C-alpha atoms as a PDB file:
ATOM      1  CA  MET A   1     -17.563 -16.288 -10.535  1.00  0.00           C
ATOM      2  CA  LEU A   2     -15.352 -17.275  -8.354  1.00  0.00           C
ATOM      3  CA  ASP A   3     -15.478 -21.010  -8.409  1.00  0.00           C
ATOM      4  CA  LYS A   4     -13.719 -20.843 -12.061  1.00  0.00           C
ATOM      5  CA  PHE A   5     -11.075 -18.723 -10.872  1.00  0.00           C
ATOM      6  CA  ALA A   6     -10.818 -21.228  -8.233  1.00  0.00           C
ATOM      7  CA  GLU A   7     -10.990 -24.019 -10.765  1.00  0.00           C
ATOM      8  CA  GLN A   8      -8.002 -22.312 -12.871  1.00  0.00           C
ATOM      9  CA  ASN A   9      -5.529 -22.066 -10.175  1.00  0.00           C
ATOM     10  CA  ALA A  10      -5.818 -25.561  -9.151  1.00  0.00           C
ATOM     11  CA  VAL A  11      -5.165 -26.607 -12.824  1.00  0.00           C
ATOM     12  CA  MET A  12      -2.098 -23.760 -12.708  1.00  0.00           C
ATOM     13  CA  ARG A  13      -1.492 -25.360  -9.455  1.00  0.00           C
ATOM     14  CA  GLU A  14      -1.404 -29.156 -10.745  1.00  0.00           C
ATOM     15  CA  ARG A  15       0.228 -28.281 -13.917  1.00  0.00           C
ATOM     16  CA  TYR A  16       3.434 -25.883 -12.820  1.00  0.00           C
ATOM     17  CA  THR A  17       3.719 -27.555  -9.898  1.00  0.00           C
ATOM     18  CA  ASP A  18       7.368 -26.928  -9.747  1.00  0.00           C
ATOM     19  CA  GLU A  19       7.284 -22.986 -11.009  1.00  0.00           C
ATOM     20  CA  PHE A  20       5.700 -22.524  -7.698  1.00  0.00           C
ATOM     21  CA  ILE A  21       8.615 -23.104  -5.484  1.00  0.00           C
ATOM     22  CA  MET A  22       9.406 -19.946  -3.387  1.00  0.00           C
ATOM     23  CA  PRO A  23      10.957 -18.569  -0.350  1.00  0.00           C
ATOM     24  CA  GLU A  24       7.516 -18.625   1.822  1.00  0.00           C
ATOM     25  CA  ALA A  25       8.267 -15.104   2.895  1.00  0.00           C
ATOM     26  CA  LEU A  26       8.092 -14.293  -0.770  1.00  0.00           C
ATOM     27  CA  GLU A  27       4.362 -15.648  -1.048  1.00  0.00           C
ATOM     28  CA  THR A  28       3.546 -14.268   1.637  1.00  0.00           C
ATOM     29  CA  ALA A  29       4.684 -10.611   0.661  1.00  0.00           C
ATOM     30  CA  TYR A  30       2.986 -11.292  -2.846  1.00  0.00           C
ATOM     31  CA  LYS A  31      -0.277 -12.647  -1.284  1.00  0.00           C
ATOM     32  CA  THR A  32      -0.526  -9.363   1.867  1.00  0.00           C
ATOM     33  CA  PHE A  33       0.300  -7.120  -1.198  1.00  0.00           C
ATOM     34  CA  VAL A  34      -2.369  -8.504  -3.407  1.00  0.00           C
ATOM     35  CA  LYS A  35      -5.041  -8.065   0.060  1.00  0.00           C
ATOM     36  CA  ALA A  36      -3.802  -4.139   0.036  1.00  0.00           C
ATOM     37  CA  CYS A  37      -4.679  -3.987  -4.150  1.00  0.00           C
ATOM     38  CA  ILE A  38      -8.360  -5.098  -3.705  1.00  0.00           C
ATOM     39  CA  ASP A  39      -8.796  -3.171  -0.726  1.00  0.00           C
ATOM     40  CA  TYR A  40      -7.511  -0.499  -2.485  1.00  0.00           C
ATOM     41  CA  ARG A  41      -9.447  -1.131  -6.204  1.00  0.00           C
ATOM     42  CA  VAL A  42     -12.964  -2.221  -3.961  1.00  0.00           C
ATOM     43  CA  SER A  43     -12.805   0.874  -1.986  1.00  0.00           C
ATOM     44  CA  LYS A  44     -11.706   3.281  -4.648  1.00  0.00           C
ATOM     45  CA  PRO A  45     -14.160   6.189  -6.323  1.00  0.00           C
ATOM     46  CA  LYS A  46     -14.920   5.635 -10.276  1.00  0.00           C
ATOM     47  CA  ASN A  47     -16.944   8.123 -11.339  1.00  0.00           C
ATOM     48  CA  GLY A  48     -18.604   8.573  -8.149  1.00  0.00           C
ATOM     49  CA  LYS A  49     -18.562   4.269  -7.348  1.00  0.00           C
ATOM     50  CA  GLY A  50     -16.522   1.723  -6.739  1.00  0.00           C
ATOM     51  CA  GLU A  51     -14.938  -0.175  -9.496  1.00  0.00           C
ATOM     52  CA  THR A  52     -14.987  -3.974  -7.846  1.00  0.00           C
ATOM     53  CA  SER A  53     -16.781  -6.088 -10.633  1.00  0.00           C
ATOM     54  CA  ASP A  54     -14.550  -4.431 -13.287  1.00  0.00           C
ATOM     55  CA  PHE A  55     -11.466  -4.693 -11.384  1.00  0.00           C
ATOM     56  CA  ILE A  56     -12.681  -8.312 -10.203  1.00  0.00           C
ATOM     57  CA  TYR A  57     -13.583  -9.383 -13.941  1.00  0.00           C
ATOM     58  CA  SER A  58     -10.789  -8.201 -15.699  1.00  0.00           C
ATOM     59  CA  LEU A  59      -8.611 -10.668 -13.121  1.00  0.00           C
ATOM     60  CA  MET A  60     -10.665 -13.422 -13.834  1.00  0.00           C
ATOM     61  CA  ASN A  61     -10.165 -12.486 -18.057  1.00  0.00           C
ATOM     62  CA  ASP A  62      -7.123 -11.760 -19.114  1.00  0.00           C
ATOM     63  CA  ARG A  63      -4.551 -13.581 -19.435  1.00  0.00           C
ATOM     64  CA  LEU A  64      -2.112 -12.272 -17.448  1.00  0.00           C
ATOM     65  CA  VAL A  65      -2.651 -10.182 -14.210  1.00  0.00           C
ATOM     66  CA  THR A  66      -0.355  -7.464 -13.895  1.00  0.00           C
ATOM     67  CA  LEU A  67       0.639  -4.819 -11.632  1.00  0.00           C
ATOM     68  CA  THR A  68      -1.321  -2.428 -13.818  1.00  0.00           C
ATOM     69  CA  ASN A  69      -4.115  -5.017 -13.228  1.00  0.00           C
ATOM     70  CA  LEU A  70      -3.461  -5.276  -9.694  1.00  0.00           C
ATOM     71  CA  THR A  71      -3.138  -1.917  -8.919  1.00  0.00           C
ATOM     72  CA  GLY A  72      -5.357   0.018 -11.029  1.00  0.00           C
ATOM     73  CA  LEU A  73      -1.766   2.928 -11.635  1.00  0.00           C
ATOM     74  CA  PRO A  74      -0.981   2.966 -14.859  1.00  0.00           C
ATOM     75  CA  SER A  75       2.237   1.498 -16.063  1.00  0.00           C
ATOM     76  CA  LYS A  76       4.638   4.343 -16.288  1.00  0.00           C
ATOM     77  CA  ILE A  77       4.060   4.637 -12.451  1.00  0.00           C
ATOM     78  CA  THR A  78       4.198   0.612 -11.425  1.00  0.00           C
ATOM     79  CA  THR A  79       7.333   1.246 -13.532  1.00  0.00           C
ATOM     80  CA  THR A  80       9.120   4.152 -11.504  1.00  0.00           C
ATOM     81  CA  LEU A  81       7.585   2.690  -8.172  1.00  0.00           C
ATOM     82  CA  ALA A  82       9.245  -0.629  -8.729  1.00  0.00           C
ATOM     83  CA  ARG A  83      12.991   0.822 -10.065  1.00  0.00           C
ATOM     84  CA  GLU A  84      12.890   3.575  -7.102  1.00  0.00           C
ATOM     85  CA  VAL A  85      12.458   0.724  -5.001  1.00  0.00           C
ATOM     86  CA  VAL A  86      15.453  -1.786  -6.168  1.00  0.00           C
ATOM     87  CA  ILE A  87      17.644   1.973  -6.224  1.00  0.00           C
ATOM     88  CA  ASP A  88      16.959   2.053  -2.874  1.00  0.00           C
ATOM     89  CA  HIS A  89      17.515  -1.380  -2.174  1.00  0.00           C
ATOM     90  CA  PHE A  90      20.725  -1.634  -4.197  1.00  0.00           C
ATOM     91  CA  ASN A  91      22.100   1.637  -2.343  1.00  0.00           C
ATOM     92  CA  GLU A  92      21.028   0.472   1.713  1.00  0.00           C
ATOM     93  CA  LEU A  93      23.676  -2.721  -0.039  1.00  0.00           C
ATOM     94  CA  ALA A  94      25.989  -1.214  -0.857  1.00  0.00           C
ATOM     95  CA  GLU A  95      26.210   1.190   2.018  1.00  0.00           C
ATOM     96  CA  LYS A  96      26.342  -2.187   4.394  1.00  0.00           C
ATOM     97  CA  GLN A  97      28.501  -3.499   2.598  1.00  0.00           C
ATOM     98  CA  SER A  98      30.877  -0.381   2.251  1.00  0.00           C
ATOM     99  CA  LYS A  99      30.243   0.304   6.722  1.00  0.00           C
ATOM    100  CA  GLU A 100      31.652  -3.588   6.403  1.00  0.00           C
ATOM    101  CA  LEU A 101      34.597  -2.771   4.548  1.00  0.00           C
ATOM    102  CA  ASN A 102      35.445   0.321   6.317  1.00  0.00           C
ATOM    103  CA  GLU A 103      35.075  -2.183  10.215  1.00  0.00           C
ATOM    104  CA  TYR A 104      37.408  -4.300   8.726  1.00  0.00           C
ATOM    105  CA  GLU A 105      40.371  -1.912   7.418  1.00  0.00           C
ATOM    106  CA  ARG A 106      39.599  -0.770  10.497  1.00  0.00           C
ATOM    107  CA  GLY A 107      40.351  -4.233  12.207  1.00  0.00           C
ATOM    108  CA  ASN A 108      36.865  -3.779  14.116  1.00  0.00           C
ATOM    109  CA  PHE A 109      35.210  -6.677  12.892  1.00  0.00           C
END
C-alpha cells in the first residue's frame, strides 16, 4: 500500500514540479504537522482499538487529503481552530505595528 502512495507522490511531484516550490520552513512545518496527526490518529482509540488501517486507507484512496482526514476532527472544529490562529496572528501583528508606530512617533527608533 505504501508503495502505491510513493508512486502517486512521484507522479505528482513530476507533473506539478512548479507547484511544489515553497519556503523550506513551510514544507518542514507541514511535514511536522502531518507526523503529529499520524501519531494522534494511530494512538487514538476508536471503539476500544486504534483506527490506523482506516486512517491510512482513507489517505491512500481519497482524492484529496483534508484537515479532517489528517486530524480526525470534524470540519467545524478544524475550521474554527484555523480561524483562531488567523485572528491571533493578525492581532499580534497589529499590536506589534502599533508599538512600532508609537516608538516612531515618540522619536525612539
